């Protein structure tokens, strides 16, 4: 009886040792790499728009003028001529204005009719007879905003005041305030019947040439 018990204990111990040996043995594994099929499609690109992505601005109508104020946006030669005319006008000296005219190869246009002496002509158009009223009008015109018209064409021009290039019935309330710096309300009402600004305008080409100062026809 005792012998059987001893044998059972020995058998049980042997089984336990064998089980531990198997558990301690490292199991080797093989890594298998599977290549994707050659005809598999690449992952789809993310075509959703970015949150901060800006759309290109809408195309501007070909005949729409570009508007600006002061010297910002003006080509350097245009800004230089504008300042030269302003300085002459503020001096109150028609002789200074004549010097500004002489920087051109040809004199600016002051009327639809032929003008032999621009200074004498401007004096006749000035209420004071000396030309100073006309000089004051020049300063008002040049200190209003400008319009760049006929963009990209041979006759491209920077025009003052800008509302000479805009239909009168398209002017906003704040633009009308600028109009009344140059015109009286009665003058403006008369112009509305014709649909456009008809008072003095001044034009300078992109190369800085002073082309005209005349009533808008």
Foldseek 3Di string as FASTA:
>chain_A
DVVVVVVVVVVVVVVVVVVVVVVPDDDDDDDDDDDDDPPDDDDDDDPDDDPPDDDDDDDDDQFFWDKDFQCPPAQPLQNVLLVQLLVQLVVLDVVSNVVSQVVAPDGADADPDDDDDVLQVCLVVAPVSRNNNVSVLSNLFSRAMWIFGPPPDPPTKIKTPHQQSPFPVPDDPVVVVSVCVNDPPVVVVVVVVVRGQFQWMWIADSNNNTHYTYTRD
